[in-house]
C-alpha atoms as a PDB file:
ATOM      1  CA  MET A   1      70.994  20.458   3.722  1.00  0.00           C
ATOM      2  CA  GLU A   2      69.612  22.077   0.571  1.00  0.00           C
ATOM      3  CA  TYR A   3      66.716  20.271  -1.130  1.00  0.00           C
ATOM      4  CA  TYR A   4      65.176  20.331  -4.596  1.00  0.00           C
ATOM      5  CA  VAL A   5      62.091  18.745  -6.124  1.00  0.00           C
ATOM      6  CA  ASN A   6      61.921  17.325  -9.620  1.00  0.00           C
ATOM      7  CA  ALA A   7      59.423  19.396 -11.614  1.00  0.00           C
ATOM      8  CA  GLN A   8      58.841  16.463 -13.954  1.00  0.00           C
ATOM      9  CA  ARG A   9      56.707  13.589 -12.734  1.00  0.00           C
ATOM     10  CA  GLN A  10      58.145  10.117 -12.558  1.00  0.00           C
ATOM     11  CA  PRO A  11      56.264   7.366 -14.449  1.00  0.00           C
ATOM     12  CA  ASN A  12      54.377   6.561 -11.217  1.00  0.00           C
ATOM     13  CA  GLY A  13      53.273  10.205 -10.849  1.00  0.00           C
ATOM     14  CA  ASP A  14      55.680  11.191  -8.056  1.00  0.00           C
ATOM     15  CA  HIS A  15      57.755  14.369  -7.955  1.00  0.00           C
ATOM     16  CA  GLU A  16      60.967  13.266  -6.235  1.00  0.00           C
ATOM     17  CA  VAL A  17      62.709  15.335  -3.572  1.00  0.00           C
ATOM     18  CA  HIS A  18      66.520  15.305  -3.693  1.00  0.00           C
ATOM     19  CA  GLU A  19      69.357  16.456  -1.464  1.00  0.00           C
ATOM     20  CA  GLU A  20      71.724  18.849  -3.247  1.00  0.00           C
ATOM     21  CA  ARG A  21      74.474  16.218  -3.439  1.00  0.00           C
ATOM     22  CA  CYS A  22      72.301  13.462  -4.958  1.00  0.00           C
ATOM     23  CA  THR A  23      73.727  11.759  -8.040  1.00  0.00           C
ATOM     24  CA  TYR A  24      70.136  11.456  -9.351  1.00  0.00           C
ATOM     25  CA  MET A  25      69.483  15.210  -9.151  1.00  0.00           C
ATOM     26  CA  PRO A  26      67.474  16.377 -12.166  1.00  0.00           C
ATOM     27  CA  GLY A  27      68.989  18.949 -14.500  1.00  0.00           C
ATOM     28  CA  ALA A  28      68.618  22.649 -13.688  1.00  0.00           C
ATOM     29  CA  ALA A  29      65.689  23.064 -16.090  1.00  0.00           C
ATOM     30  CA  ASN A  30      63.749  20.257 -14.377  1.00  0.00           C
ATOM     31  CA  ARG A  31      64.201  21.055 -10.708  1.00  0.00           C
ATOM     32  CA  ARG A  32      62.765  23.533  -8.258  1.00  0.00           C
ATOM     33  CA  TYR A  33      64.610  24.720  -5.164  1.00  0.00           C
ATOM     34  CA  LEU A  34      62.757  23.945  -1.933  1.00  0.00           C
ATOM     35  CA  GLY A  35      65.131  25.450   0.613  1.00  0.00           C
ATOM     36  CA  SER A  36      67.363  24.418   3.474  1.00  0.00           C
ATOM     37  CA  PHE A  37      65.910  21.842   5.868  1.00  0.00           C
ATOM     38  CA  SER A  38      67.271  19.802   8.749  1.00  0.00           C
ATOM     39  CA  ASN A  39      65.745  16.572   7.390  1.00  0.00           C
ATOM     40  CA  CYS A  40      63.992  15.076   4.390  1.00  0.00           C
ATOM     41  CA  TYR A  41      60.622  14.955   6.153  1.00  0.00           C
ATOM     42  CA  ALA A  42      60.435  18.760   6.264  1.00  0.00           C
ATOM     43  CA  ALA A  43      61.616  18.994   2.649  1.00  0.00           C
ATOM     44  CA  VAL A  44      58.996  16.517   1.416  1.00  0.00           C
ATOM     45  CA  ALA A  45      56.308  18.389   3.379  1.00  0.00           C
ATOM     46  CA  ALA A  46      57.348  21.613   1.622  1.00  0.00           C
ATOM     47  CA  ALA A  47      57.333  19.867  -1.755  1.00  0.00           C
ATOM     48  CA  LYS A  48      53.818  18.540  -1.114  1.00  0.00           C
ATOM     49  CA  GLN A  49      52.633  22.162  -0.944  1.00  0.00           C
ATOM     50  CA  ILE A  50      53.646  22.447  -4.613  1.00  0.00           C
ATOM     51  CA  TYR A  51      53.241  18.869  -5.817  1.00  0.00           C
ATOM     52  CA  PRO A  52      50.870  16.789  -3.639  1.00  0.00           C
ATOM     53  CA  ALA A  53      52.433  13.584  -5.006  1.00  0.00           C
ATOM     54  CA  ALA A  54      55.956  14.484  -3.791  1.00  0.00           C
ATOM     55  CA  ASN A  55      58.107  11.646  -2.462  1.00  0.00           C
ATOM     56  CA  GLY A  56      61.662  11.302  -1.210  1.00  0.00           C
ATOM     57  CA  CYS A  57      64.327   9.996  -3.581  1.00  0.00           C
ATOM     58  CA  LEU A  58      65.112   6.339  -2.912  1.00  0.00           C
ATOM     59  CA  HIS A  59      68.853   7.054  -3.132  1.00  0.00           C
ATOM     60  CA  CYS A  60      69.421  10.272  -1.168  1.00  0.00           C
ATOM     61  CA  CYS A  61      66.245  10.392   0.980  1.00  0.00           C
ATOM     62  CA  PRO A  62      65.432   6.724   1.652  1.00  0.00           C
ATOM     63  CA  ALA A  63      63.791   7.509   5.001  1.00  0.00           C
ATOM     64  CA  CYS A  64      61.253   9.656   3.119  1.00  0.00           C
ATOM     65  CA  HIS A  65      60.719   7.341   0.172  1.00  0.00           C
ATOM     66  CA  THR A  66      57.333   5.633   0.299  1.00  0.00           C
ATOM     67  CA  GLY A  67      57.685   3.109  -2.474  1.00  0.00           C
END
């Protein structure tokens, strides 16, 4: 699966990680490609290297969403 991180912070400070097919995917100007990963845990770990407050999207990566 291909993953992206939202370059814009959410109101709570998180940068959400999304699967490529997510209906809540940010627009092209507001997302950064993370790469291809076998699960959301690896994608969120990669995103945390860029944005320490990265978190999985509640809708497409619920297993990696930490509230």
